[in-house]
Protein backbone atom coordinates (compact mmCIF):
# COMPACT_ATOMS: atom_id res chain seq x y z
CA UNK A 1 -5.28 -14.68 -11.32
CA UNK A 2 -8.19 -16.89 -11.08
CA UNK A 3 -10.17 -17.42 -14.03
CA UNK A 4 -13.47 -16.36 -12.12
CA UNK A 5 -11.87 -12.97 -10.80
CA UNK A 6 -10.89 -12.41 -14.72
CA UNK A 7 -14.88 -13.03 -15.58
CA UNK A 8 -16.03 -11.00 -13.37
CA UNK A 9 -13.60 -8.73 -14.16
CA UNK A 10 -13.77 -9.12 -18.32
CA UNK A 11 -17.97 -8.32 -17.28
CA UNK A 12 -17.77 -4.70 -15.38
CA UNK A 13 -15.08 -3.92 -17.88
CA UNK A 14 -17.90 -4.52 -20.76
CA UNK A 15 -20.62 -2.86 -18.21
CA UNK A 16 -18.85 -0.02 -17.32
CA UNK A 17 -15.97 0.84 -18.43
CA UNK A 18 -15.46 4.07 -17.03
CA UNK A 19 -15.32 2.98 -13.88
CA UNK A 20 -13.09 -0.34 -14.23
CA UNK A 21 -10.62 1.23 -17.34
CA UNK A 22 -8.58 -1.91 -18.44
CA UNK A 23 -9.76 -5.17 -19.55
CA UNK A 24 -8.09 -7.44 -16.61
CA UNK A 25 -7.15 -6.75 -13.81
CA UNK A 26 -3.40 -5.42 -12.91
CA UNK A 27 -0.39 -7.60 -12.49
CA UNK A 28 1.46 -8.75 -9.44
CA UNK A 29 4.49 -6.73 -11.05
CA UNK A 30 2.07 -3.68 -10.95
CA UNK A 31 0.74 -4.22 -7.51
CA UNK A 32 4.29 -4.63 -6.00
CA UNK A 33 5.38 -1.26 -7.51
CA UNK A 34 2.35 0.92 -6.28
CA UNK A 35 2.50 -0.98 -2.74
CA UNK A 36 6.07 -1.06 -2.14
CA UNK A 37 5.58 2.15 -0.74
CA UNK A 38 3.22 1.05 2.37
CA UNK A 39 5.81 0.08 5.19
CA UNK A 40 4.40 -0.27 8.65
CA UNK A 41 6.24 1.40 11.10
CA UNK A 42 7.01 -0.04 14.88
CA UNK A 43 3.14 1.86 15.87
CA UNK A 44 -0.34 0.81 14.13
CA UNK A 45 -1.16 2.59 10.85
CA UNK A 46 -3.91 3.17 9.17
CA UNK A 47 -3.66 2.08 5.02
CA UNK A 48 -6.51 3.46 2.75
CA UNK A 49 -6.87 1.55 -0.72
CA UNK A 50 -9.47 3.28 -3.46
CA UNK A 51 -10.60 1.23 -6.53
CA UNK A 52 -9.84 -2.07 -5.19
CA UNK A 53 -11.39 -4.16 -8.45
CA UNK A 54 -10.87 -7.59 -7.75
CA UNK A 55 -8.33 -6.99 -5.15
CA UNK A 56 -4.75 -7.61 -6.89
CA UNK A 57 -3.75 -4.46 -4.49
CA UNK A 58 -5.46 -5.34 -1.55
CA UNK A 59 -4.31 -8.53 -1.43
CA UNK A 60 -0.86 -7.87 -1.60
CA UNK A 61 -1.69 -4.94 1.52
CA UNK A 62 -3.18 -7.44 3.49
CA UNK A 63 -0.09 -9.26 3.88
CA UNK A 64 1.80 -6.65 4.89
CA UNK A 65 -0.58 -5.63 8.18
CA UNK A 66 0.77 -5.76 11.32
CA UNK A 67 -0.63 -6.39 14.56
CA UNK A 68 -2.47 -2.95 15.19
CA UNK A 69 -2.68 -2.53 12.16
CA UNK A 70 -5.87 -1.43 9.79
CA UNK A 71 -7.03 -1.17 6.00
CA UNK A 72 -9.73 0.34 4.74
CA UNK A 73 -11.09 -0.10 1.24
CA UNK A 74 -13.48 1.56 -0.98
CA UNK A 75 -14.91 0.17 -3.84
CA UNK A 76 -17.93 1.75 -5.78
CA UNK A 77 -18.79 -1.35 -7.61
CA UNK A 78 -21.16 -3.80 -6.32
CA UNK A 79 -19.51 -6.99 -7.34
CA UNK A 80 -16.40 -5.77 -6.89
CA UNK A 81 -16.81 -4.98 -3.00
CA UNK A 82 -18.93 -8.51 -2.64
CA UNK A 83 -16.01 -9.88 -4.09
CA UNK A 84 -13.51 -8.39 -1.98
CA UNK A 85 -16.34 -8.97 1.36
CA UNK A 86 -15.81 -13.08 0.85
CA UNK A 87 -12.08 -12.55 0.00
CA UNK A 88 -11.02 -10.73 3.23
CA UNK A 89 -13.97 -10.89 5.36
CA UNK A 90 -12.33 -12.42 7.54
CA UNK A 91 -9.99 -10.76 8.58
CA UNK A 92 -10.88 -8.24 10.90
CA UNK A 93 -7.86 -5.81 10.11
CA UNK A 94 -9.43 -5.83 6.77
CA UNK A 95 -12.81 -3.10 6.23
CA UNK A 96 -14.40 -2.65 2.61
CA UNK A 97 -16.63 -0.17 1.93
CA UNK A 98 -18.73 -0.11 -1.60
CA UNK A 99 -19.40 4.15 -1.91
CA UNK A 100 -17.31 6.66 -3.73
CA UNK A 101 -14.34 7.61 -1.85
CA UNK A 102 -16.02 11.31 -1.61
CA UNK A 103 -18.08 10.13 0.40
CA UNK A 104 -15.63 9.60 3.06
CA UNK A 105 -15.08 11.89 5.88
CA UNK A 106 -11.60 14.36 5.01
CA UNK A 107 -9.74 14.59 8.22
CA UNK A 108 -6.08 13.22 7.67
CA UNK A 109 -6.76 9.81 9.27
CA UNK A 110 -4.24 7.50 6.97
CA UNK A 111 -0.26 7.24 6.56
CA UNK A 112 -0.58 5.35 3.49
CA UNK A 113 -3.40 5.19 1.00
CA UNK A 114 -2.90 3.20 -2.57
CA UNK A 115 -5.29 4.16 -5.40
CA UNK A 116 -6.21 1.85 -8.35
CA UNK A 117 -8.78 4.20 -9.95
CA UNK A 118 -8.64 5.32 -14.20
CA UNK A 119 -8.31 8.28 -13.41
CA UNK A 120 -7.66 9.12 -17.27
CA UNK A 121 -11.54 8.18 -17.89
CA UNK A 122 -13.30 10.52 -15.34
CA UNK A 123 -13.86 14.29 -16.19
CA UNK A 124 -11.08 16.68 -14.86
CA UNK A 125 -13.71 17.94 -12.30
CA UNK A 126 -13.85 14.48 -10.83
CA UNK A 127 -10.18 13.64 -10.80
CA UNK A 128 -9.47 17.17 -8.45
CA UNK A 129 -12.17 16.20 -6.40
CA UNK A 130 -10.68 12.64 -5.91
CA UNK A 131 -7.09 14.09 -5.49
CA UNK A 132 -7.82 16.37 -3.29
CA UNK A 133 -10.34 13.95 -0.89
CA UNK A 134 -6.88 10.96 -0.85
CA UNK A 135 -4.68 14.90 0.31
CA UNK A 136 -7.64 15.27 2.85
CA UNK A 137 -7.93 12.09 4.67
CA UNK A 138 -3.69 12.30 4.85
CA UNK A 139 -1.62 12.11 7.21
CA UNK A 140 1.15 15.08 7.39
CA UNK A 141 3.96 12.73 5.35
CA UNK A 142 1.71 10.21 4.24
CA UNK A 143 2.72 8.57 0.78
CA UNK A 144 0.34 7.76 -2.18
CA UNK A 145 0.71 6.22 -4.94
CA UNK A 146 -1.78 5.11 -8.20
CA UNK A 147 -1.02 4.29 -11.75
CA UNK A 148 -1.15 5.93 -14.75
CA UNK A 149 -0.75 3.14 -18.64
CA UNK A 150 1.83 4.25 -20.11
CA UNK A 151 0.78 7.14 -22.38
CA UNK A 152 -2.45 6.41 -22.92
CA UNK A 153 -3.62 9.87 -23.42
CA UNK A 154 -1.42 10.69 -26.70
CA UNK A 155 -2.43 7.00 -27.65
CA UNK A 156 -6.70 8.49 -27.13
CA UNK A 157 -5.95 12.09 -28.63
CA UNK A 158 -5.64 11.08 -32.31
CA UNK A 159 -8.97 9.00 -32.29
CA UNK A 160 -10.68 11.33 -30.17
CA UNK A 161 -13.76 14.52 -31.27
CA UNK A 162 -12.55 17.91 -30.31
CA UNK A 163 -14.80 17.25 -26.44
CA UNK A 164 -12.55 14.24 -25.62
CA UNK A 165 -9.24 15.81 -26.56
CA UNK A 166 -9.79 18.51 -24.46
CA UNK A 167 -11.52 16.57 -21.76
CA UNK A 168 -7.72 14.75 -21.70
CA UNK A 169 -6.02 17.79 -21.76
CA UNK A 170 -7.22 19.35 -18.63
CA UNK A 171 -7.27 15.62 -16.83
CA UNK A 172 -3.82 16.11 -17.57
CA UNK A 173 -3.55 19.61 -16.38
CA UNK A 174 -4.37 18.55 -13.12
CA UNK A 175 -2.82 15.13 -12.82
CA UNK A 176 0.83 17.38 -13.52
CA UNK A 177 -0.10 20.18 -11.14
CA UNK A 178 -0.36 17.41 -8.41
CA UNK A 179 2.53 16.12 -9.37
CA UNK A 180 4.33 19.66 -9.36
CA UNK A 181 3.14 19.74 -5.57
CA UNK A 182 3.90 16.43 -4.32
CA UNK A 183 5.06 13.76 -6.55
CA UNK A 184 8.53 11.66 -5.39
CA UNK A 185 8.48 8.71 -7.39
CA UNK A 186 7.28 6.61 -10.58
CA UNK A 187 8.64 3.42 -11.67
CA UNK A 188 7.89 1.73 -14.73
CA UNK A 189 5.87 -1.28 -14.93
CA UNK A 190 6.53 -3.27 -18.48
CA UNK A 191 4.79 -6.73 -17.11
CA UNK A 192 1.29 -5.10 -17.15
CA UNK A 193 -1.65 -5.56 -19.54
CA UNK A 194 -1.26 -2.72 -20.89
CA UNK A 195 2.49 -1.61 -19.59
CA UNK A 196 1.67 1.53 -16.74
CA UNK A 197 3.45 4.18 -14.47
CA UNK A 198 3.09 3.94 -10.47
CA UNK A 199 3.41 7.15 -9.22
CA UNK A 200 3.93 8.10 -5.50
CA UNK A 201 3.11 11.27 -3.89
CA UNK A 202 4.23 12.92 -0.77
CA UNK A 203 1.44 14.99 0.89
CA UNK A 204 3.01 17.04 3.21
C-alpha cells in the first residue's frame, strides 16, 4: 500500500476509530480471501462494496469487472470517498457513493456484496440494520462476504466495562444469527494486521 494511503488511514483511525476500526488497511491476502467469491458470469453483474476505506478490496474488484458489469462503492468517510473517486473515477463501471449503506434503496439489485465494515465496533442495533440492508439489496442466491479480526471480542472483553461487554455479547448474537441462516464458508487469513476471518454468506 502506498505511504500516502497509510498516512490517510492512520489519520482516520485516530480521528474516528469506530468507523475505521483498524490502524492500517487490509492486506492483499485478506483482499483476495474476501473477494474470491466474486466471479462475474457470462452476463453483466452488479457488485456492491461497503466500507471501502482506501480501496484495498476495491482495487481487486475493479480488476474483475467485465464489459457491462457495475461496481457500486459505499463509503461514509469523506476523505476515503474522495481518495476512491480520484483512484477509480476514470472507470465508468465504478460508482463511489459517500453515504451510509442504510441510505441505499432496499431492493434486490446486487449479485455480489463485499463488506469491509468494522462491525464489532458498532452498536448491535446498527449491526443488525446493516446486515438486513445487505440482505435486502441482494438478489436471490447472491453471495456476500465480510471479515472479523480473529478473537477480537474475546480479547476485548477482559479489559472492557460491563456496558461494553454487554454490547460485544449482543453484537456476537446478531452476527451468529446471520451466520446460522446464511453462512457457507470461512477462511482464516494469518497475513493481515491483525489476523482475520473472511466470512461468506449466501442469501436465499
